[in-house]
């Protein structure tokens, strides 16, 4: 399942986000970063998760992370 995360552009932010995903025992199958301003990146993750509930828990945790300004599932 695909998730887009908008994060602050600062050292360690990608590692922090990947660590949260790992804590849920989800697999990062693919990742792409797009810089849309000097201060923020959009990071697109393709995740291997157990089900939609599993993904929802990951997104909820990501949204509570200080370096993340938004996290959402990409439909389609």
PDB file of N, CA and C in Angstrom:
ATOM      1  N   UNK A   1       0.841  -1.168   0.000  1.00  0.00           N
ATOM      2  CA  UNK A   1       0.000   0.000   0.000  1.00  0.00           C
ATOM      3  C   UNK A   1       0.887   1.232   0.000  1.00  0.00           C
ATOM      4  N   UNK A   2       0.430   2.259  -0.671  1.00  0.00           N
ATOM      5  CA  UNK A   2       1.234   3.468  -0.845  1.00  0.00           C
ATOM      6  C   UNK A   2       0.821   4.556   0.142  1.00  0.00           C
ATOM      7  N   UNK A   3       1.850   5.199   0.720  1.00  0.00           N
ATOM      8  CA  UNK A   3       1.662   6.277   1.682  1.00  0.00           C
ATOM      9  C   UNK A   3       2.538   7.451   1.259  1.00  0.00           C
ATOM     10  N   UNK A   4       1.985   8.650   1.344  1.00  0.00           N
ATOM     11  CA  UNK A   4       2.778   9.860   1.121  1.00  0.00           C
ATOM     12  C   UNK A   4       2.945  10.572   2.450  1.00  0.00           C
ATOM     13  N   UNK A   5       4.192  10.903   2.756  1.00  0.00           N
ATOM     14  CA  UNK A   5       4.527  11.604   4.000  1.00  0.00           C
ATOM     15  C   UNK A   5       5.198  12.919   3.625  1.00  0.00           C
ATOM     16  N   UNK A   6       4.696  14.013   4.161  1.00  0.00           N
ATOM     17  CA  UNK A   6       5.354  15.306   4.000  1.00  0.00           C
ATOM     18  C   UNK A   6       6.137  15.551   5.281  1.00  0.00           C
ATOM     19  N   UNK A   7       7.449  15.692   5.113  1.00  0.00           N
ATOM     20  CA  UNK A   7       8.300  15.842   6.294  1.00  0.00           C
ATOM     21  C   UNK A   7       9.192  17.062   6.168  1.00  0.00           C
ATOM     22  N   UNK A   8       9.634  17.518   7.318  1.00  0.00           N
ATOM     23  CA  UNK A   8      10.585  18.621   7.341  1.00  0.00           C
ATOM     24  C   UNK A   8      11.918  18.127   6.788  1.00  0.00           C
ATOM     25  N   UNK A   9      12.593  19.014   6.076  1.00  0.00           N
ATOM     26  CA  UNK A   9      13.892  18.697   5.499  1.00  0.00           C
ATOM     27  C   UNK A   9      14.966  18.977   6.538  1.00  0.00           C
ATOM     28  N   UNK A  10      15.244  17.957   7.347  1.00  0.00           N
ATOM     29  CA  UNK A  10      16.290  18.107   8.355  1.00  0.00           C
ATOM     30  C   UNK A  10      16.978  16.768   8.549  1.00  0.00           C
ATOM     31  N   UNK A  11      18.234  16.790   8.981  1.00  0.00           N
ATOM     32  CA  UNK A  11      18.985  15.554   9.152  1.00  0.00           C
ATOM     33  C   UNK A  11      18.260  14.571  10.080  1.00  0.00           C
ATOM     34  N   UNK A  12      18.196  13.326   9.654  1.00  0.00           N
ATOM     35  CA  UNK A  12      17.619  12.270  10.470  1.00  0.00           C
ATOM     36  C   UNK A  12      16.127  12.061  10.294  1.00  0.00           C
ATOM     37  N   UNK A  13      15.446  12.940   9.544  1.00  0.00           N
ATOM     38  CA  UNK A  13      13.989  12.792   9.430  1.00  0.00           C
ATOM     39  C   UNK A  13      13.600  11.511   8.698  1.00  0.00           C
ATOM     40  N   UNK A  14      14.298  11.171   7.619  1.00  0.00           N
ATOM     41  CA  UNK A  14      13.982   9.929   6.904  1.00  0.00           C
ATOM     42  C   UNK A  14      14.239   8.712   7.793  1.00  0.00           C
ATOM     43  N   UNK A  15      15.324   8.722   8.530  1.00  0.00           N
ATOM     44  CA  UNK A  15      15.639   7.608   9.432  1.00  0.00           C
ATOM     45  C   UNK A  15      14.574   7.459  10.516  1.00  0.00           C
ATOM     46  N   UNK A  16      14.097   8.577  11.048  1.00  0.00           N
ATOM     47  CA  UNK A  16      13.058   8.537  12.069  1.00  0.00           C
ATOM     48  C   UNK A  16      11.771   7.933  11.512  1.00  0.00           C
ATOM     49  N   UNK A  17      11.376   8.361  10.328  1.00  0.00           N
ATOM     50  CA  UNK A  17      10.162   7.854   9.681  1.00  0.00           C
ATOM     51  C   UNK A  17      10.312   6.365   9.373  1.00  0.00           C
ATOM     52  N   UNK A  18      11.447   5.978   8.820  1.00  0.00           N
ATOM     53  CA  UNK A  18      11.682   4.561   8.515  1.00  0.00           C
ATOM     54  C   UNK A  18      11.672   3.725   9.790  1.00  0.00           C
ATOM     55  N   UNK A  19      12.184   4.273  10.884  1.00  0.00           N
ATOM     56  CA  UNK A  19      12.175   3.562  12.156  1.00  0.00           C
ATOM     57  C   UNK A  19      10.770   3.316  12.675  1.00  0.00           C
ATOM     58  N   UNK A  20       9.895   4.302  12.513  1.00  0.00           N
ATOM     59  CA  UNK A  20       8.499   4.126  12.933  1.00  0.00           C
ATOM     60  C   UNK A  20       7.853   3.018  12.125  1.00  0.00           C
ATOM     61  N   UNK A  21       8.072   3.035  10.827  1.00  0.00           N
ATOM     62  CA  UNK A  21       7.517   1.986   9.963  1.00  0.00           C
ATOM     63  C   UNK A  21       8.055   0.624  10.380  1.00  0.00           C
ATOM     64  N   UNK A  22       9.336   0.558  10.665  1.00  0.00           N
ATOM     65  CA  UNK A  22       9.964  -0.694  11.087  1.00  0.00           C
ATOM     66  C   UNK A  22       9.420  -1.190  12.420  1.00  0.00           C
ATOM     67  N   UNK A  23       9.131  -0.269  13.336  1.00  0.00           N
ATOM     68  CA  UNK A  23       8.578  -0.659  14.635  1.00  0.00           C
ATOM     69  C   UNK A  23       7.265  -1.413  14.504  1.00  0.00           C
ATOM     70  N   UNK A  24       6.546  -1.183  13.420  1.00  0.00           N
ATOM     71  CA  UNK A  24       5.280  -1.875  13.158  1.00  0.00           C
ATOM     72  C   UNK A  24       5.476  -3.150  12.338  1.00  0.00           C
ATOM     73  N   UNK A  25       6.736  -3.499  12.102  1.00  0.00           N
ATOM     74  CA  UNK A  25       7.093  -4.685  11.325  1.00  0.00           C
ATOM     75  C   UNK A  25       6.506  -4.654   9.919  1.00  0.00           C
ATOM     76  N   UNK A  26       6.425  -3.449   9.363  1.00  0.00           N
ATOM     77  CA  UNK A  26       6.033  -3.282   7.968  1.00  0.00           C
ATOM     78  C   UNK A  26       7.305  -3.225   7.127  1.00  0.00           C
ATOM     79  N   UNK A  27       7.193  -3.602   5.870  1.00  0.00           N
ATOM     80  CA  UNK A  27       8.339  -3.612   4.982  1.00  0.00           C
ATOM     81  C   UNK A  27       8.249  -2.422   4.027  1.00  0.00           C
ATOM     82  N   UNK A  28       9.356  -1.712   3.858  1.00  0.00           N
ATOM     83  CA  UNK A  28       9.422  -0.645   2.861  1.00  0.00           C
ATOM     84  C   UNK A  28       9.865  -1.285   1.551  1.00  0.00           C
ATOM     85  N   UNK A  29       8.920  -1.429   0.608  1.00  0.00           N
ATOM     86  CA  UNK A  29       9.212  -2.056  -0.676  1.00  0.00           C
ATOM     87  C   UNK A  29       9.834  -1.070  -1.659  1.00  0.00           C
ATOM     88  N   UNK A  30       9.484   0.215  -1.540  1.00  0.00           N
ATOM     89  CA  UNK A  30      10.024   1.244  -2.428  1.00  0.00           C
ATOM     90  C   UNK A  30       9.867   2.593  -1.734  1.00  0.00           C
ATOM     91  N   UNK A  31      10.777   3.509  -2.019  1.00  0.00           N
ATOM     92  CA  UNK A  31      10.686   4.862  -1.457  1.00  0.00           C
ATOM     93  C   UNK A  31      11.192   5.852  -2.499  1.00  0.00           C
ATOM     94  N   UNK A  32      10.474   6.981  -2.619  1.00  0.00           N
ATOM     95  CA  UNK A  32      10.860   8.061  -3.515  1.00  0.00           C
ATOM     96  C   UNK A  32      10.702   9.383  -2.768  1.00  0.00           C
ATOM     97  N   UNK A  33      11.663  10.276  -2.976  1.00  0.00           N
ATOM     98  CA  UNK A  33      11.601  11.590  -2.320  1.00  0.00           C
ATOM     99  C   UNK A  33      11.492  12.673  -3.374  1.00  0.00           C
ATOM    100  N   UNK A  34      10.616  13.648  -3.098  1.00  0.00           N
ATOM    101  CA  UNK A  34      10.443  14.796  -3.975  1.00  0.00           C
ATOM    102  C   UNK A  34      10.545  16.042  -3.101  1.00  0.00           C
ATOM    103  N   UNK A  35      11.453  16.929  -3.456  1.00  0.00           N
ATOM    104  CA  UNK A  35      11.595  18.174  -2.701  1.00  0.00           C
ATOM    105  C   UNK A  35      10.667  19.208  -3.318  1.00  0.00           C
ATOM    106  N   UNK A  36       9.722  19.719  -2.517  1.00  0.00           N
ATOM    107  CA  UNK A  36       8.830  20.732  -3.069  1.00  0.00           C
ATOM    108  C   UNK A  36       9.087  22.115  -2.487  1.00  0.00           C
ATOM    109  N   UNK A  37      10.009  22.206  -1.549  1.00  0.00           N
ATOM    110  CA  UNK A  37      10.469  23.491  -1.023  1.00  0.00           C
ATOM    111  C   UNK A  37      11.773  23.230  -0.271  1.00  0.00           C
ATOM    112  N   UNK A  38      12.505  24.273   0.062  1.00  0.00           N
ATOM    113  CA  UNK A  38      13.747  24.047   0.813  1.00  0.00           C
ATOM    114  C   UNK A  38      13.517  23.425   2.190  1.00  0.00           C
ATOM    115  N   UNK A  39      12.304  23.575   2.724  1.00  0.00           N
ATOM    116  CA  UNK A  39      12.035  23.127   4.086  1.00  0.00           C
ATOM    117  C   UNK A  39      11.311  21.796   4.204  1.00  0.00           C
ATOM    118  N   UNK A  40      10.683  21.317   3.113  1.00  0.00           N
ATOM    119  CA  UNK A  40       9.863  20.103   3.180  1.00  0.00           C
ATOM    120  C   UNK A  40      10.114  19.176   1.999  1.00  0.00           C
ATOM    121  N   UNK A  41       9.947  17.876   2.263  1.00  0.00           N
ATOM    122  CA  UNK A  41      10.005  16.833   1.239  1.00  0.00           C
ATOM    123  C   UNK A  41       8.702  16.058   1.259  1.00  0.00           C
ATOM    124  N   UNK A  42       8.275  15.603   0.099  1.00  0.00           N
ATOM    125  CA  UNK A  42       7.239  14.578   0.026  1.00  0.00           C
ATOM    126  C   UNK A  42       7.953  13.262  -0.174  1.00  0.00           C
ATOM    127  N   UNK A  43       7.652  12.306   0.676  1.00  0.00           N
ATOM    128  CA  UNK A  43       8.266  10.980   0.587  1.00  0.00           C
ATOM    129  C   UNK A  43       7.148   9.987   0.312  1.00  0.00           C
ATOM    130  N   UNK A  44       7.293   9.238  -0.770  1.00  0.00           N
ATOM    131  CA  UNK A  44       6.288   8.245  -1.150  1.00  0.00           C
ATOM    132  C   UNK A  44       6.845   6.868  -0.819  1.00  0.00           C
ATOM    133  N   UNK A  45       6.135   6.164   0.050  1.00  0.00           N
ATOM    134  CA  UNK A  45       6.528   4.819   0.463  1.00  0.00           C
ATOM    135  C   UNK A  45       5.544   3.806  -0.099  1.00  0.00           C
ATOM    136  N   UNK A  46       6.061   2.729  -0.662  1.00  0.00           N
ATOM    137  CA  UNK A  46       5.250   1.546  -0.932  1.00  0.00           C
ATOM    138  C   UNK A  46       5.551   0.574   0.197  1.00  0.00           C
ATOM    139  N   UNK A  47       4.523   0.278   0.996  1.00  0.00           N
ATOM    140  CA  UNK A  47       4.718  -0.520   2.195  1.00  0.00           C
ATOM    141  C   UNK A  47       4.056  -1.890   2.075  1.00  0.00           C
ATOM    142  N   UNK A  48       4.727  -2.877   2.605  1.00  0.00           N
ATOM    143  CA  UNK A  48       4.138  -4.196   2.784  1.00  0.00           C
ATOM    144  C   UNK A  48       3.565  -4.259   4.186  1.00  0.00           C
ATOM    145  N   UNK A  49       2.231  -4.277   4.290  1.00  0.00           N
ATOM    146  CA  UNK A  49       1.546  -4.314   5.572  1.00  0.00           C
ATOM    147  C   UNK A  49       0.595  -5.500   5.606  1.00  0.00           C
ATOM    148  N   UNK A  50       0.107  -5.827   6.807  1.00  0.00           N
ATOM    149  CA  UNK A  50      -0.783  -6.975   6.958  1.00  0.00           C
ATOM    150  C   UNK A  50      -2.182  -6.690   6.421  1.00  0.00           C
ATOM    151  N   UNK A  51      -2.688  -5.481   6.711  1.00  0.00           N
ATOM    152  CA  UNK A  51      -4.042  -5.118   6.280  1.00  0.00           C
ATOM    153  C   UNK A  51      -4.223  -3.615   6.456  1.00  0.00           C
ATOM    154  N   UNK A  52      -5.422  -3.130   6.146  1.00  0.00           N
ATOM    155  CA  UNK A  52      -5.706  -1.691   6.245  1.00  0.00           C
ATOM    156  C   UNK A  52      -5.600  -1.169   7.671  1.00  0.00           C
ATOM    157  N   UNK A  53      -5.978  -1.991   8.639  1.00  0.00           N
ATOM    158  CA  UNK A  53      -5.890  -1.587  10.047  1.00  0.00           C
ATOM    159  C   UNK A  53      -4.431  -1.378  10.449  1.00  0.00           C
ATOM    160  N   UNK A  54      -3.568  -2.253   9.991  1.00  0.00           N
ATOM    161  CA  UNK A  54      -2.131  -2.142  10.244  1.00  0.00           C
ATOM    162  C   UNK A  54      -1.609  -0.827   9.661  1.00  0.00           C
ATOM    163  N   UNK A  55      -1.991  -0.538   8.420  1.00  0.00           N
ATOM    164  CA  UNK A  55      -1.559   0.693   7.772  1.00  0.00           C
ATOM    165  C   UNK A  55      -2.089   1.916   8.514  1.00  0.00           C
ATOM    166  N   UNK A  56      -3.325   1.879   8.954  1.00  0.00           N
ATOM    167  CA  UNK A  56      -3.913   3.004   9.680  1.00  0.00           C
ATOM    168  C   UNK A  56      -3.147   3.300  10.964  1.00  0.00           C
ATOM    169  N   UNK A  57      -2.697   2.273  11.652  1.00  0.00           N
ATOM    170  CA  UNK A  57      -1.917   2.470  12.883  1.00  0.00           C
ATOM    171  C   UNK A  57      -0.578   3.142  12.572  1.00  0.00           C
ATOM    172  N   UNK A  58       0.052   2.737  11.487  1.00  0.00           N
ATOM    173  CA  UNK A  58       1.326   3.339  11.080  1.00  0.00           C
ATOM    174  C   UNK A  58       1.123   4.814  10.749  1.00  0.00           C
ATOM    175  N   UNK A  59       0.102   5.116   9.961  1.00  0.00           N
ATOM    176  CA  UNK A  59      -0.167   6.500   9.571  1.00  0.00           C
ATOM    177  C   UNK A  59      -0.483   7.358  10.797  1.00  0.00           C
ATOM    178  N   UNK A  60      -1.251   6.829  11.725  1.00  0.00           N
ATOM    179  CA  UNK A  60      -1.577   7.576  12.941  1.00  0.00           C
ATOM    180  C   UNK A  60      -0.315   7.912  13.730  1.00  0.00           C
ATOM    181  N   UNK A  61       0.602   6.958  13.834  1.00  0.00           N
ATOM    182  CA  UNK A  61       1.853   7.200  14.555  1.00  0.00           C
ATOM    183  C   UNK A  61       2.711   8.220  13.808  1.00  0.00           C
ATOM    184  N   UNK A  62       2.788   8.099  12.489  1.00  0.00           N
ATOM    185  CA  UNK A  62       3.569   9.053  11.705  1.00  0.00           C
ATOM    186  C   UNK A  62       3.049  10.474  11.897  1.00  0.00           C
ATOM    187  N   UNK A  63       1.740  10.625  11.945  1.00  0.00           N
ATOM    188  CA  UNK A  63       1.146  11.955  12.103  1.00  0.00           C
ATOM    189  C   UNK A  63       1.487  12.594  13.448  1.00  0.00           C
ATOM    190  N   UNK A  64       1.849  11.790  14.433  1.00  0.00           N
ATOM    191  CA  UNK A  64       2.221  12.298  15.757  1.00  0.00           C
ATOM    192  C   UNK A  64       3.701  12.656  15.848  1.00  0.00           C
ATOM    193  N   UNK A  65       4.457  12.400  14.798  1.00  0.00           N
ATOM    194  CA  UNK A  65       5.899  12.619  14.794  1.00  0.00           C
ATOM    195  C   UNK A  65       6.209  14.082  14.474  1.00  0.00           C
ATOM    196  N   UNK A  66       7.041  14.747  15.272  1.00  0.00           N
ATOM    197  CA  UNK A  66       7.296  16.171  15.069  1.00  0.00           C
ATOM    198  C   UNK A  66       7.815  16.558  13.680  1.00  0.00           C
ATOM    199  N   UNK A  67       8.593  15.696  13.023  1.00  0.00           N
ATOM    200  CA  UNK A  67       9.135  16.058  11.700  1.00  0.00           C
ATOM    201  C   UNK A  67       8.132  15.837  10.573  1.00  0.00           C
ATOM    202  N   UNK A  68       6.983  15.232  10.880  1.00  0.00           N
ATOM    203  CA  UNK A  68       5.980  14.936   9.853  1.00  0.00           C
ATOM    204  C   UNK A  68       4.868  15.974   9.921  1.00  0.00           C
ATOM    205  N   UNK A  69       4.619  16.629   8.781  1.00  0.00           N
ATOM    206  CA  UNK A  69       3.509  17.587   8.749  1.00  0.00           C
ATOM    207  C   UNK A  69       2.237  16.949   8.212  1.00  0.00           C
ATOM    208  N   UNK A  70       2.360  15.839   7.456  1.00  0.00           N
ATOM    209  CA  UNK A  70       1.174  15.129   6.949  1.00  0.00           C
ATOM    210  C   UNK A  70       1.586  13.721   6.546  1.00  0.00           C
ATOM    211  N   UNK A  71       0.654  12.800   6.703  1.00  0.00           N
ATOM    212  CA  UNK A  71       0.832  11.419   6.248  1.00  0.00           C
ATOM    213  C   UNK A  71      -0.531  10.920   5.811  1.00  0.00           C
ATOM    214  N   UNK A  72      -0.586  10.319   4.618  1.00  0.00           N
ATOM    215  CA  UNK A  72      -1.863   9.826   4.128  1.00  0.00           C
ATOM    216  C   UNK A  72      -1.677   8.684   3.151  1.00  0.00           C
ATOM    217  N   UNK A  73      -2.673   7.821   3.104  1.00  0.00           N
ATOM    218  CA  UNK A  73      -2.688   6.713   2.162  1.00  0.00           C
ATOM    219  C   UNK A  73      -3.006   7.263   0.780  1.00  0.00           C
ATOM    220  N   UNK A  74      -2.332   6.720  -0.220  1.00  0.00           N
ATOM    221  CA  UNK A  74      -2.598   7.074  -1.602  1.00  0.00           C
ATOM    222  C   UNK A  74      -3.483   5.994  -2.183  1.00  0.00           C
ATOM    223  N   UNK A  75      -4.664   6.362  -2.627  1.00  0.00           N
ATOM    224  CA  UNK A  75      -5.596   5.401  -3.225  1.00  0.00           C
ATOM    225  C   UNK A  75      -5.310   5.269  -4.714  1.00  0.00           C
ATOM    226  N   UNK A  76      -5.442   4.032  -5.171  1.00  0.00           N
ATOM    227  CA  UNK A  76      -5.273   3.829  -6.603  1.00  0.00           C
ATOM    228  C   UNK A  76      -4.184   2.907  -6.973  1.00  0.00           C
TER     229      UNK A  76
END
